[in-house]
C-alpha atoms as a PDB file:
ATOM      1  CA  MET A   1     -12.371   9.286  -3.074  1.00  0.00           C
ATOM      2  CA  ARG A   2     -13.918   8.154  -6.328  1.00  0.00           C
ATOM      3  CA  GLU A   3     -15.085   4.597  -5.298  1.00  0.00           C
ATOM      4  CA  ASP A   4     -16.252   4.122  -9.039  1.00  0.00           C
ATOM      5  CA  CYS A   5     -12.642   4.603 -10.446  1.00  0.00           C
ATOM      6  CA  LYS A   6     -11.090   1.481 -11.491  1.00  0.00           C
ATOM      7  CA  TYR A   7      -7.844   2.215  -9.638  1.00  0.00           C
ATOM      8  CA  TYR A   8      -9.440   2.847  -6.380  1.00  0.00           C
ATOM      9  CA  GLU A   9      -8.949  -0.109  -3.842  1.00  0.00           C
ATOM     10  CA  SER A  10     -10.406  -1.034  -0.572  1.00  0.00           C
ATOM     11  CA  ARG A  11      -9.468  -3.465   1.671  1.00  0.00           C
ATOM     12  CA  SER A  12     -10.960  -4.265   5.209  1.00  0.00           C
ATOM     13  CA  TYR A  13      -9.054  -6.269   7.774  1.00  0.00           C
ATOM     14  CA  ALA A  14     -10.128  -8.495  10.654  1.00  0.00           C
ATOM     15  CA  ASN A  15      -9.633  -5.797  13.215  1.00  0.00           C
ATOM     16  CA  GLY A  16     -11.906  -3.412  11.573  1.00  0.00           C
ATOM     17  CA  GLU A  17      -9.279  -1.320   9.892  1.00  0.00           C
ATOM     18  CA  THR A  18      -9.873  -0.405   6.089  1.00  0.00           C
ATOM     19  CA  VAL A  19      -7.422   0.821   3.811  1.00  0.00           C
ATOM     20  CA  ARG A  20      -8.674   2.929   0.875  1.00  0.00           C
ATOM     21  CA  LYS A  21      -6.046   3.982  -1.883  1.00  0.00           C
ATOM     22  CA  CYS A  22      -5.474   4.751  -5.359  1.00  0.00           C
ATOM     23  CA  ASP A  23      -3.420   1.975  -7.027  1.00  0.00           C
ATOM     24  CA  LEU A  24      -1.524   4.410  -9.089  1.00  0.00           C
ATOM     25  CA  ASP A  25      -0.638   6.442  -6.078  1.00  0.00           C
ATOM     26  CA  LEU A  26      -2.239   9.442  -7.529  1.00  0.00           C
ATOM     27  CA  ALA A  27      -4.404  10.552  -4.464  1.00  0.00           C
ATOM     28  CA  PRO A  28      -2.035  12.157  -1.999  1.00  0.00           C
ATOM     29  CA  GLU A  29      -5.015  12.993   0.302  1.00  0.00           C
ATOM     30  CA  ALA A  30      -6.436   9.414   0.341  1.00  0.00           C
ATOM     31  CA  PRO A  31      -8.923   8.128   1.823  1.00  0.00           C
ATOM     32  CA  TRP A  32     -10.517  11.609   1.545  1.00  0.00           C
ATOM     33  CA  ARG A  33     -10.134  12.672  -1.847  1.00  0.00           C
ATOM     34  CA  CYS A  34      -8.758  12.330  -5.269  1.00  0.00           C
ATOM     35  CA  PRO A  35      -7.453  15.363  -7.325  1.00  0.00           C
ATOM     36  CA  GLU A  36     -10.268  16.952  -9.169  1.00  0.00           C
ATOM     37  CA  ASP A  37      -8.457  16.632 -12.458  1.00  0.00           C
ATOM     38  CA  CYS A  38      -6.872  13.295 -12.123  1.00  0.00           C
ATOM     39  CA  PRO A  39      -5.672  12.312 -15.449  1.00  0.00           C
ATOM     40  CA  LYS A  40      -5.834   8.632 -15.034  1.00  0.00           C
ATOM     41  CA  TYR A  41      -9.512   8.607 -13.540  1.00  0.00           C
ATOM     42  CA  THR A  42     -11.406   5.745 -15.536  1.00  0.00           C
ATOM     43  CA  ARG A  43     -14.817   4.669 -14.571  1.00  0.00           C
ATOM     44  CA  ARG A  44     -14.862   1.057 -13.314  1.00  0.00           C
ATOM     45  CA  LEU A  45     -16.699  -1.092 -15.714  1.00  0.00           C
ATOM     46  CA  ALA A  46     -16.748  -4.360 -14.245  1.00  0.00           C
ATOM     47  CA  ASP A  47     -19.559  -3.493 -11.430  1.00  0.00           C
ATOM     48  CA  VAL A  48     -21.426  -0.737 -13.243  1.00  0.00           C
ATOM     49  CA  GLY A  49     -25.087  -1.096 -12.263  1.00  0.00           C
ATOM     50  CA  TRP A  50     -24.256  -3.482  -9.312  1.00  0.00           C
ATOM     51  CA  HIS A  51     -25.542  -2.668  -6.150  1.00  0.00           C
ATOM     52  CA  HIS A  52     -23.021  -3.354  -3.213  1.00  0.00           C
ATOM     53  CA  GLY A  53     -23.916  -4.621   0.060  1.00  0.00           C
ATOM     54  CA  THR A  54     -22.745  -3.395   3.448  1.00  0.00           C
ATOM     55  CA  LEU A  55     -19.885  -5.964   3.585  1.00  0.00           C
ATOM     56  CA  VAL A  56     -18.003  -4.208   0.529  1.00  0.00           C
ATOM     57  CA  THR A  57     -16.686  -0.897   2.082  1.00  0.00           C
ATOM     58  CA  PRO A  58     -17.441   0.880   5.411  1.00  0.00           C
ATOM     59  CA  PRO A  59     -17.731   4.536   5.128  1.00  0.00           C
ATOM     60  CA  SER A  60     -14.690   6.643   4.947  1.00  0.00           C
ATOM     61  CA  PRO A  61     -13.718   8.321   8.151  1.00  0.00           C
ATOM     62  CA  ALA A  62     -14.428  12.015   8.630  1.00  0.00           C
ATOM     63  CA  GLU A  63     -12.132  14.280   6.841  1.00  0.00           C
ATOM     64  CA  PRO A  64     -10.035  16.355   9.467  1.00  0.00           C
ATOM     65  CA  ALA A  65     -10.697  20.002   9.805  1.00  0.00           C
ATOM     66  CA  SER A  66      -6.898  20.848   9.296  1.00  0.00           C
ATOM     67  CA  LEU A  67      -7.067  19.062   5.742  1.00  0.00           C
ATOM     68  CA  ASP A  68      -6.233  22.075   3.183  1.00  0.00           C
ATOM     69  CA  ALA A  69      -6.128  20.684  -0.342  1.00  0.00           C
ATOM     70  CA  ASP A  70      -4.275  23.768  -1.790  1.00  0.00           C
ATOM     71  CA  ASP A  71      -1.375  23.779   0.625  1.00  0.00           C
ATOM     72  CA  GLY A  72       0.090  20.476  -0.306  1.00  0.00           C
ATOM     73  CA  ALA A  73       1.066  19.696   3.386  1.00  0.00           C
ATOM     74  CA  VAL A  74      -0.717  16.355   3.362  1.00  0.00           C
ATOM     75  CA  ALA A  75       1.061  15.142   0.183  1.00  0.00           C
ATOM     76  CA  ALA A  76       4.421  16.281   1.440  1.00  0.00           C
ATOM     77  CA  LEU A  77       3.734  14.403   4.732  1.00  0.00           C
ATOM     78  CA  LEU A  78       2.635  11.241   2.867  1.00  0.00           C
ATOM     79  CA  ASP A  79       5.538  11.489   0.759  1.00  0.00           C
ATOM     80  CA  GLU A  80       8.049  11.899   3.528  1.00  0.00           C
ATOM     81  CA  ALA A  81       6.528   8.755   5.121  1.00  0.00           C
ATOM     82  CA  GLU A  82       6.718   6.796   1.981  1.00  0.00           C
ATOM     83  CA  ASP A  83      10.443   7.739   1.515  1.00  0.00           C
ATOM     84  CA  ILE A  84      11.163   6.459   5.320  1.00  0.00           C
ATOM     85  CA  ILE A  85       9.587   3.025   4.223  1.00  0.00           C
ATOM     86  CA  ASN A  86      11.446   2.852   0.982  1.00  0.00           C
ATOM     87  CA  GLN A  87      14.757   3.676   2.653  1.00  0.00           C
ATOM     88  CA  ALA A  88      14.095   0.800   5.378  1.00  0.00           C
ATOM     89  CA  GLY A  89      13.226  -1.824   2.850  1.00  0.00           C
ATOM     90  CA  PRO A  90      16.657  -2.703   1.364  1.00  0.00           C
ATOM     91  CA  ARG A  91      18.149  -2.525   4.939  1.00  0.00           C
ATOM     92  CA  VAL A  92      15.736  -5.061   6.295  1.00  0.00           C
ATOM     93  CA  MET A  93      16.184  -7.338   3.208  1.00  0.00           C
ATOM     94  CA  ALA A  94      20.006  -7.117   3.848  1.00  0.00           C
ATOM     95  CA  GLU A  95      19.451  -8.109   7.422  1.00  0.00           C
ATOM     96  CA  LEU A  96      17.242 -10.965   6.433  1.00  0.00           C
ATOM     97  CA  GLU A  97      19.765 -12.291   3.851  1.00  0.00           C
ATOM     98  CA  ASP A  98      22.447 -11.958   6.275  1.00  0.00           C
ATOM     99  CA  GLU A  99      20.566 -13.979   8.864  1.00  0.00           C
ATOM    100  CA  ARG A 100      19.653 -16.689   6.375  1.00  0.00           C
ATOM    101  CA  GLY A 101      23.324 -16.683   5.225  1.00  0.00           C
ATOM    102  CA  ARG A 102      24.673 -17.327   8.701  1.00  0.00           C
ATOM    103  CA  LYS A 103      22.359 -20.092   9.377  1.00  0.00           C
ATOM    104  CA  GLY A 104      23.398 -22.112   6.349  1.00  0.00           C
ATOM    105  CA  ARG A 105      20.884 -24.787   5.574  1.00  0.00           C
ATOM    106  CA  PHE A 106      23.137 -26.884   3.685  1.00  0.00           C
ATOM    107  CA  ARG A 107      26.782 -27.283   5.408  1.00  0.00           C
ATOM    108  CA  ARG A 108      29.397 -29.410   3.774  1.00  0.00           C
ATOM    109  CA  LYS A 109      30.804 -31.821   6.174  1.00  0.00           C
ATOM    110  CA  LYS A 110      34.641 -31.315   6.575  1.00  0.00           C
ATOM    111  CA  ASN A 111      35.938 -35.016   6.999  1.00  0.00           C
ATOM    112  CA  LYS A 112      33.974 -36.281   4.058  1.00  0.00           C
ATOM    113  CA  LYS A 113      35.530 -39.232   2.305  1.00  0.00           C
ATOM    114  CA  LYS A 114      36.182 -38.637  -1.622  1.00  0.00           C
ATOM    115  CA  ARG A 115      34.382 -41.155  -3.786  1.00  0.00           C
ATOM    116  CA  LYS A 116      36.430 -42.981  -6.475  1.00  0.00           C
END
């Protein structure tokens, strides 16, 4: 991937995992490569000329031999996975709202005397 693009993002977690992605979701074959003719590629200006230490980004994993940029299989697989996540999101949120509604933090007492 073009690490010098302002839309490139890398985040490392305590367990050693690293996520590399395009913030605009324009790199279907992330973390290995961006499209050759990406219309949104913009060179990052904030760190031009800076020297990055080893804590910034560990090296990307090796590209699998089965990855073929021309057939679109990787992009199709990632799109399918994204669709599954997007479909599950509203259901999960509805379940959470239902659970919160049943617990009812503020309940009215039934035998409350009315004030005059």
